[in-house]
Amino acid sequence: MISRRSLMASLPALGLAAPALAQDPVASAGPLIGRFEVTANQPWTEVLIEGLGPFRFLIDTGASVAVIDPDLAKRLQLMRVDDVQLQGATAERTVETYVSSRVVVAGALRQRGAVTFAAGQFGVGFDGVLPGTLFTGTNSEIDFAAGEFRIYGAAVPDRTGFTRLALVQTPGRPADGRLVVAVRLDGRPLNLLIDTGGAGSVLLSGEYVGRNQLWDRYKKWAPGEGQGIMTAFNLRLVRAGVLQLGSIRFERPVVHLTDPFNPPGDGGDGVIGMDILRRFTLATDPVGKAVWIKPNAAVADPFRYNRAGFEVRFVRPGRAEAQTVDPDGPAARAGLKSGDTLPDIANRRDLARFDWFLSEGPGATLEFDAERDGSRFPVKLVLEELL
């Protein structure tokens, strides 16, 4: 699998174009409106390509290029153009690129000219990625509560009740339409990428963690894992004190620390992911060089993270095992041990669903079967706060 973060950090310099899209000429005056859904903190919408579909594409404001699953590109018989060399954290990979002349997004947006896609496998249940440049070049809103995006063009929407976050130009990076804003975390200023492609809350880069000596600062933490190109890297999940977005405060947010001793190579301070972004309507303002945010009813929801005290990993295809079982956590008290298999988790889609259940709020009950030495047994655990 090609890591989205490595992919998007590497391809802008290669000249790949994001979709140039226009309103359907028969649409009425006013904002152009498209529908989307959010599944497990991942926003996606339907896309037609060459008149076929619909296909499920992730809406990713952290991406600056469009991505398509290579098998889908071949089934659609898209024209293949020059391959490019993708530089990841520890390896290079050749990436195919394809061109389509007929793309429709959410039944509302049609392209102007050809759309170039980089080829890459991207998460469970998605056929590709729509980049943030779809929204950042004009006044637009992404309304997570309503499940719709609204593109206003040159018109300025009503921003009553919104908080303004000034955009920051990242040194050494081109102005590729990505949304980087200045925030404060425990009083420290930092610049974070608004990233609807990330399902978590706040992830700090290994460079930032090392520079600010955060890796060993927190006595209480839970292990995690990130995925890069051909390699995985360690994360620690901690509770910070206060995250400040303009005048909006989050108390004790969950923060993912990237291992500073083996970072995946991403630059910048880090990202704000969907576990925070879903609590707002996001409004882009390219002329004013800002993003505006307005809280919705989810703003006070508990932060999601693994509250079960164990992780599940595939040790080989079709065999998922319990790993890193906390001896004092809910899973251990329910009788689960490291190395126990979970026979009902057969593929990455099953694992993604199971991981989502592990991040429910404290007090949620989870029941599943495990297997040890050929014997199957039931497990019942109650999720609890571990951070």
Protein backbone atom coordinates (compact mmCIF):
# COMPACT_ATOMS: atom_id res chain seq x y z
CA MET A 1 0.00 0.00 0.00
CA ILE A 2 1.27 3.48 -0.82
CA SER A 3 1.08 5.73 2.19
CA ARG A 4 -1.12 8.74 1.53
CA ARG A 5 1.07 11.06 3.52
CA SER A 6 4.25 10.07 1.68
CA LEU A 7 2.43 10.11 -1.63
CA MET A 8 1.07 13.59 -1.19
CA ALA A 9 4.33 14.97 0.12
CA SER A 10 6.22 13.70 -2.91
CA LEU A 11 4.10 14.25 -6.00
CA PRO A 12 3.45 18.01 -6.22
CA ALA A 13 6.88 18.61 -7.70
CA LEU A 14 6.15 16.10 -10.44
CA GLY A 15 3.65 18.35 -12.18
CA LEU A 16 0.57 16.18 -11.70
CA ALA A 17 -2.62 18.17 -12.05
CA ALA A 18 -5.52 18.07 -9.64
CA PRO A 19 -8.99 18.07 -11.23
CA ALA A 20 -10.19 21.35 -12.69
CA LEU A 21 -13.93 21.14 -12.13
CA ALA A 22 -16.86 23.31 -13.09
CA GLN A 23 -20.52 23.63 -12.27
CA ASP A 24 -22.97 21.70 -14.41
CA PRO A 25 -24.23 24.32 -16.92
CA VAL A 26 -27.87 23.41 -16.17
CA ALA A 27 -27.41 24.04 -12.44
CA SER A 28 -29.25 26.98 -10.91
CA ALA A 29 -27.60 30.13 -9.60
CA GLY A 30 -26.19 30.06 -6.09
CA PRO A 31 -23.72 27.69 -4.47
CA LEU A 32 -22.94 24.42 -6.11
CA ILE A 33 -23.86 21.69 -3.60
CA GLY A 34 -22.58 18.14 -3.44
CA ARG A 35 -23.34 15.39 -0.93
CA PHE A 36 -20.83 13.24 0.93
CA GLU A 37 -20.79 10.73 3.77
CA VAL A 38 -18.42 10.17 6.68
CA THR A 39 -17.56 6.57 7.55
CA ALA A 40 -15.21 5.91 10.48
CA ASN A 41 -14.01 9.53 10.37
CA GLN A 42 -13.32 9.35 6.62
CA PRO A 43 -15.34 11.67 4.32
CA TRP A 44 -16.10 10.28 0.87
CA THR A 45 -18.30 10.98 -2.11
CA GLU A 46 -19.37 9.30 -5.33
CA VAL A 47 -17.41 9.90 -8.53
CA LEU A 48 -18.25 8.96 -12.11
CA ILE A 49 -15.31 8.33 -14.45
CA GLU A 50 -15.78 7.91 -18.19
CA GLY A 51 -19.51 7.60 -17.54
CA LEU A 52 -19.04 4.58 -15.26
CA GLY A 53 -19.47 4.18 -11.51
CA PRO A 54 -20.25 5.50 -9.05
CA PHE A 55 -16.92 4.96 -7.29
CA ARG A 56 -16.06 5.88 -3.69
CA PHE A 57 -13.41 8.62 -3.46
CA LEU A 58 -12.00 9.99 -0.22
CA ILE A 59 -12.18 13.78 0.20
CA ASP A 60 -8.68 14.68 1.36
CA THR A 61 -7.72 18.29 2.06
CA GLY A 62 -4.22 17.06 2.89
CA ALA A 63 -3.69 15.87 -0.68
CA SER A 64 -2.57 18.01 -3.58
CA VAL A 65 -3.07 15.44 -6.36
CA ALA A 66 -5.88 13.10 -7.40
CA VAL A 67 -5.30 9.37 -6.86
CA ILE A 68 -6.98 6.33 -8.39
CA ASP A 69 -6.69 2.63 -7.62
CA PRO A 70 -4.48 1.16 -10.39
CA ASP A 71 -6.79 -1.81 -10.96
CA LEU A 72 -9.73 0.54 -11.46
CA ALA A 73 -7.74 2.69 -13.88
CA LYS A 74 -6.98 -0.39 -15.96
CA ARG A 75 -10.59 -1.63 -15.88
CA LEU A 76 -11.73 1.78 -17.10
CA GLN A 77 -9.04 1.65 -19.80
CA LEU A 78 -7.80 5.12 -18.90
CA MET A 79 -4.95 6.44 -20.97
CA ARG A 80 -1.65 5.84 -19.20
CA VAL A 81 0.93 8.62 -19.30
CA ASP A 82 4.50 8.82 -18.02
CA ASP A 83 5.32 6.93 -14.83
CA VAL A 84 6.94 8.88 -12.02
CA GLN A 85 9.33 7.90 -9.25
CA LEU A 86 7.82 8.21 -5.80
CA GLN A 87 10.28 8.92 -2.99
CA GLY A 88 9.09 7.66 0.37
CA ALA A 89 10.68 7.67 3.78
CA THR A 90 12.93 4.67 3.22
CA ALA A 91 12.26 3.54 -0.33
CA GLU A 92 11.33 4.58 -3.84
CA ARG A 93 8.47 3.23 -5.90
CA THR A 94 7.43 3.81 -9.49
CA VAL A 95 3.91 5.22 -9.70
CA GLU A 96 1.74 4.95 -12.79
CA THR A 97 -0.29 7.96 -13.91
CA TYR A 98 -3.53 8.02 -15.90
CA VAL A 99 -5.69 10.62 -17.61
CA SER A 100 -9.49 10.83 -17.81
CA SER A 101 -11.51 13.27 -19.88
CA ARG A 102 -14.87 12.61 -18.15
CA VAL A 103 -15.08 13.02 -14.37
CA VAL A 104 -18.18 13.99 -12.37
CA VAL A 105 -17.98 14.48 -8.58
CA ALA A 106 -21.07 14.04 -6.37
CA GLY A 107 -23.33 14.52 -9.38
CA ALA A 108 -22.57 18.23 -9.24
CA LEU A 109 -19.02 18.98 -10.41
CA ARG A 110 -17.76 18.36 -13.91
CA GLN A 111 -14.19 18.79 -15.00
CA ARG A 112 -12.68 21.34 -17.34
CA GLY A 113 -10.16 19.50 -19.46
CA ALA A 114 -8.33 16.31 -18.59
CA VAL A 115 -7.78 15.02 -15.05
CA THR A 116 -4.48 13.33 -14.23
CA PHE A 117 -4.52 10.65 -11.52
CA ALA A 118 -1.57 9.14 -9.71
CA ALA A 119 -2.08 5.41 -9.18
CA GLY A 120 -2.12 4.14 -5.61
CA GLN A 121 -3.99 1.85 -3.25
CA PHE A 122 -5.51 4.00 -0.59
CA GLY A 123 -7.25 2.63 2.45
CA VAL A 124 -10.08 0.17 2.79
CA GLY A 125 -13.17 0.60 0.66
CA PHE A 126 -11.99 3.55 -1.44
CA ASP A 127 -11.33 3.73 -5.16
CA GLY A 128 -9.30 6.91 -5.02
CA VAL A 129 -8.73 10.35 -3.56
CA LEU A 130 -10.05 13.80 -4.36
CA PRO A 131 -7.48 16.48 -3.45
CA GLY A 132 -8.07 19.53 -1.32
CA THR A 133 -7.50 21.80 -4.32
CA LEU A 134 -11.06 20.95 -5.32
CA PHE A 135 -12.14 23.36 -2.57
CA THR A 136 -9.21 25.63 -1.76
CA GLY A 137 -9.11 27.66 -4.97
CA THR A 138 -12.42 29.38 -4.28
CA ASN A 139 -14.88 30.22 -1.49
CA SER A 140 -16.34 26.93 -0.31
CA GLU A 141 -17.69 25.12 2.74
CA ILE A 142 -17.41 21.53 3.93
CA ASP A 143 -20.31 20.96 6.31
CA PHE A 144 -19.77 17.71 8.20
CA ALA A 145 -23.04 17.90 10.17
CA ALA A 146 -25.12 18.27 6.98
CA GLY A 147 -22.93 15.95 4.88
CA GLU A 148 -22.56 18.43 2.04
CA PHE A 149 -19.98 20.67 0.46
CA ARG A 150 -20.94 24.05 -1.01
CA ILE A 151 -18.86 25.89 -3.60
CA TYR A 152 -19.64 29.60 -3.91
CA GLY A 153 -17.05 30.72 -6.45
CA ALA A 154 -16.42 34.45 -6.13
CA ALA A 155 -19.48 34.98 -3.90
CA VAL A 156 -18.77 35.37 -0.19
CA PRO A 157 -21.01 33.22 2.05
CA ASP A 158 -22.35 34.32 5.43
CA ARG A 159 -19.60 33.67 7.99
CA THR A 160 -21.58 34.68 11.07
CA GLY A 161 -20.54 32.46 13.98
CA PHE A 162 -17.30 31.37 12.29
CA THR A 163 -13.80 31.71 13.75
CA ARG A 164 -11.03 32.85 11.41
CA LEU A 165 -7.76 30.89 11.21
CA ALA A 166 -5.04 32.56 9.15
CA LEU A 167 -3.32 30.39 6.55
CA VAL A 168 0.43 29.88 6.89
CA GLN A 169 2.80 29.34 3.97
CA THR A 170 5.05 26.41 4.83
CA PRO A 171 8.73 27.34 4.22
CA GLY A 172 10.27 25.38 1.38
CA ARG A 173 6.94 24.12 0.01
CA PRO A 174 5.07 25.39 -3.03
CA ALA A 175 1.67 27.04 -2.58
CA ASP A 176 -0.17 23.87 -3.63
CA GLY A 177 -3.55 24.67 -2.10
CA ARG A 178 -3.01 22.76 1.12
CA LEU A 179 -4.46 24.40 4.23
CA VAL A 180 -1.90 25.03 6.98
CA VAL A 181 -3.05 27.05 9.99
CA ALA A 182 -1.37 28.43 13.11
CA VAL A 183 -2.64 26.91 16.38
CA ARG A 184 -1.38 26.56 19.94
CA LEU A 185 -0.88 23.30 21.81
CA ASP A 186 -0.19 23.62 25.53
CA GLY A 187 0.84 27.21 24.87
CA ARG A 188 3.32 26.31 22.11
CA PRO A 189 2.71 27.79 18.64
CA LEU A 190 2.78 25.36 15.74
CA ASN A 191 1.53 25.12 12.18
CA LEU A 192 -0.76 22.19 11.37
CA LEU A 193 -2.13 20.93 8.06
CA ILE A 194 -5.93 20.62 7.90
CA ASP A 195 -6.21 17.02 6.75
CA THR A 196 -9.62 15.42 6.19
CA GLY A 197 -7.78 12.31 4.97
CA GLY A 198 -6.49 11.62 8.48
CA ALA A 199 -8.98 9.88 10.77
CA GLY A 200 -7.30 10.87 14.05
CA SER A 201 -7.20 14.12 16.00
CA VAL A 202 -3.75 15.75 16.06
CA LEU A 203 -0.60 14.04 14.78
CA LEU A 204 2.75 15.69 15.43
CA SER A 205 5.67 14.96 13.11
CA GLY A 206 8.79 13.21 14.35
CA GLU A 207 10.78 16.35 13.62
CA TYR A 208 8.49 18.47 15.81
CA VAL A 209 8.38 15.85 18.58
CA GLY A 210 12.17 15.60 18.66
CA ARG A 211 12.77 19.34 18.49
CA ASN A 212 10.45 19.94 21.45
CA GLN A 213 11.51 16.81 23.40
CA LEU A 214 7.94 15.48 23.62
CA TRP A 215 8.56 11.74 23.16
CA ASP A 216 9.32 11.05 26.83
CA ARG A 217 7.51 14.01 28.35
CA TYR A 218 4.24 12.20 29.04
CA LYS A 219 4.22 9.54 31.79
CA LYS A 220 0.97 8.05 30.53
CA TRP A 221 0.78 6.95 26.90
CA ALA A 222 -0.58 4.20 24.66
CA PRO A 223 1.29 2.63 21.72
CA GLY A 224 0.22 3.11 18.13
CA GLU A 225 1.50 2.49 14.63
CA GLY A 226 1.67 4.57 11.46
CA GLN A 227 2.19 3.21 7.96
CA GLY A 228 4.66 4.55 5.40
CA ILE A 229 5.90 3.18 2.09
CA MET A 230 7.16 -0.37 2.76
CA THR A 231 7.66 0.46 6.41
CA ALA A 232 5.79 1.14 9.63
CA PHE A 233 6.70 3.68 12.28
CA ASN A 234 5.89 3.98 15.96
CA LEU A 235 3.42 6.39 17.50
CA ARG A 236 2.59 7.27 21.09
CA LEU A 237 -0.91 8.45 21.98
CA VAL A 238 -1.03 10.97 24.81
CA ARG A 239 -3.37 13.51 26.35
CA ALA A 240 -2.20 17.08 25.90
CA GLY A 241 -3.47 19.96 28.05
CA VAL A 242 -5.17 22.45 25.71
CA LEU A 243 -5.47 22.76 21.92
CA GLN A 244 -6.34 26.31 20.87
CA LEU A 245 -7.86 26.98 17.42
CA GLY A 246 -8.29 30.73 17.43
CA SER A 247 -10.76 31.36 20.24
CA ILE A 248 -11.89 27.71 20.36
CA ARG A 249 -10.37 25.50 23.06
CA PHE A 250 -10.22 21.72 23.38
CA GLU A 251 -9.33 20.41 26.82
CA ARG A 252 -7.19 17.26 27.04
CA PRO A 253 -7.13 16.40 23.33
CA VAL A 254 -5.67 13.08 22.20
CA VAL A 255 -2.39 13.72 20.38
CA HIS A 256 -0.38 11.23 18.29
CA LEU A 257 3.38 11.61 18.66
CA THR A 258 5.52 10.31 15.79
CA ASP A 259 8.69 8.51 16.87
CA PRO A 260 11.49 11.09 16.50
CA PHE A 261 14.14 8.35 16.31
CA ASN A 262 12.53 6.63 13.31
CA PRO A 263 10.28 9.20 11.63
CA PRO A 264 8.59 8.53 8.27
CA GLY A 265 10.19 11.59 6.70
CA ASP A 266 7.21 13.94 6.59
CA GLY A 267 7.95 17.62 7.00
CA GLY A 268 6.09 20.30 8.89
CA ASP A 269 4.82 20.30 12.45
CA GLY A 270 1.94 17.88 11.92
CA VAL A 271 -1.74 17.63 10.96
CA ILE A 272 -5.24 18.16 12.32
CA GLY A 273 -7.35 15.14 11.41
CA MET A 274 -11.01 14.28 11.17
CA ASP A 275 -11.59 13.54 14.86
CA ILE A 276 -11.36 17.31 15.33
CA LEU A 277 -12.45 18.56 11.92
CA ARG A 278 -15.77 16.66 11.97
CA ARG A 279 -16.84 18.94 14.82
CA PHE A 280 -16.96 21.98 12.49
CA THR A 281 -18.05 23.42 9.21
CA LEU A 282 -14.89 24.41 7.32
CA ALA A 283 -15.02 27.47 5.05
CA THR A 284 -12.14 28.28 2.70
CA ASP A 285 -11.25 31.89 1.95
CA PRO A 286 -8.41 32.09 -0.62
CA VAL A 287 -8.63 35.87 -1.07
CA GLY A 288 -8.52 36.46 2.68
CA LYS A 289 -5.86 33.75 3.09
CA ALA A 290 -7.83 32.06 5.84
CA VAL A 291 -9.92 29.11 6.88
CA TRP A 292 -13.09 29.78 8.87
CA ILE A 293 -14.50 27.19 11.29
CA LYS A 294 -17.92 26.98 12.95
CA PRO A 295 -18.68 24.37 15.65
CA ASN A 296 -21.50 21.88 15.20
CA ALA A 297 -23.26 19.60 17.69
CA ALA A 298 -20.30 17.17 17.76
CA VAL A 299 -17.89 19.73 19.22
CA ALA A 300 -18.10 18.25 22.74
CA ASP A 301 -17.88 14.56 21.70
CA PRO A 302 -15.18 12.48 23.42
CA PHE A 303 -11.99 11.97 21.41
CA ARG A 304 -11.64 8.57 19.81
CA TYR A 305 -8.68 6.31 20.48
CA ASN A 306 -8.14 2.62 21.25
CA ARG A 307 -9.59 2.12 24.74
CA ALA A 308 -9.35 -1.69 24.76
CA GLY A 309 -5.73 -2.11 25.86
CA PHE A 310 -4.59 -4.20 22.88
CA GLU A 311 -4.01 -3.93 19.15
CA VAL A 312 -4.75 -6.28 16.26
CA ARG A 313 -2.28 -6.91 13.44
CA PHE A 314 -2.14 -9.31 10.51
CA VAL A 315 0.90 -11.56 10.98
CA ARG A 316 0.14 -13.15 7.61
CA PRO A 317 -2.78 -12.94 5.16
CA GLY A 318 -5.98 -14.09 6.83
CA ARG A 319 -4.46 -14.39 10.32
CA ALA A 320 -5.10 -11.49 12.69
CA GLU A 321 -3.51 -11.62 16.14
CA ALA A 322 -3.89 -9.68 19.37
CA GLN A 323 -0.66 -7.81 20.11
CA THR A 324 0.73 -5.35 22.70
CA VAL A 325 -1.83 -6.47 25.28
CA ASP A 326 -1.64 -4.12 28.26
CA PRO A 327 -1.46 -6.39 31.35
CA ASP A 328 -3.54 -3.87 33.31
CA GLY A 329 -6.02 -3.08 30.51
CA PRO A 330 -9.57 -4.20 29.71
CA ALA A 331 -8.50 -6.87 27.20
CA ALA A 332 -6.14 -8.60 29.63
CA ARG A 333 -8.77 -8.61 32.36
CA ALA A 334 -11.18 -10.20 29.86
CA GLY A 335 -8.70 -13.07 29.33
CA LEU A 336 -7.06 -12.03 26.06
CA LYS A 337 -3.33 -12.69 25.60
CA SER A 338 -0.78 -11.58 23.01
CA GLY A 339 -0.74 -14.08 20.16
CA ASP A 340 -4.41 -15.00 20.42
CA THR A 341 -6.00 -15.00 16.98
CA LEU A 342 -9.26 -13.28 16.04
CA PRO A 343 -10.82 -15.69 13.54
CA ASP A 344 -13.62 -13.37 12.44
CA ILE A 345 -11.15 -10.76 11.13
CA ALA A 346 -10.29 -12.05 7.68
CA ASN A 347 -9.22 -8.95 5.75
CA ARG A 348 -8.31 -5.28 6.04
CA ARG A 349 -11.95 -4.20 5.83
CA ASP A 350 -12.82 -6.37 8.85
CA LEU A 351 -9.83 -4.98 10.73
CA ALA A 352 -10.78 -1.38 9.97
CA ARG A 353 -14.29 -1.96 11.34
CA PHE A 354 -12.95 -3.69 14.43
CA ASP A 355 -10.42 -0.90 15.11
CA TRP A 356 -13.28 1.60 14.91
CA PHE A 357 -15.23 -0.26 17.59
CA LEU A 358 -12.13 -0.25 19.81
CA SER A 359 -12.23 3.56 19.79
CA GLU A 360 -15.77 3.92 21.12
CA GLY A 361 -16.31 5.92 24.31
CA PRO A 362 -15.57 4.62 27.81
CA GLY A 363 -18.21 2.19 29.06
CA ALA A 364 -18.94 0.67 25.65
CA THR A 365 -19.06 -3.14 25.67
CA LEU A 366 -17.32 -5.15 22.96
CA GLU A 367 -17.89 -8.88 22.40
CA PHE A 368 -15.96 -11.06 19.96
CA ASP A 369 -14.40 -14.52 19.62
CA ALA A 370 -10.71 -15.33 19.99
CA GLU A 371 -8.77 -18.52 19.46
CA ARG A 372 -5.83 -20.04 21.34
CA ASP A 373 -4.17 -23.41 20.70
CA GLY A 374 -6.99 -24.34 18.34
CA SER A 375 -9.77 -23.63 20.85
CA ARG A 376 -12.26 -20.82 20.27
CA PHE A 377 -13.55 -18.80 23.22
CA PRO A 378 -15.68 -15.67 23.75
CA VAL A 379 -14.23 -12.35 24.93
CA LYS A 380 -16.30 -9.60 26.51
CA LEU A 381 -14.59 -6.36 27.53
CA VAL A 382 -15.66 -2.90 28.59
CA LEU A 383 -13.74 0.03 27.09
CA GLU A 384 -12.24 2.50 29.53
CA GLU A 385 -10.06 5.60 29.62
CA LEU A 386 -6.39 4.60 29.30
CA LEU A 387 -4.90 8.08 28.89
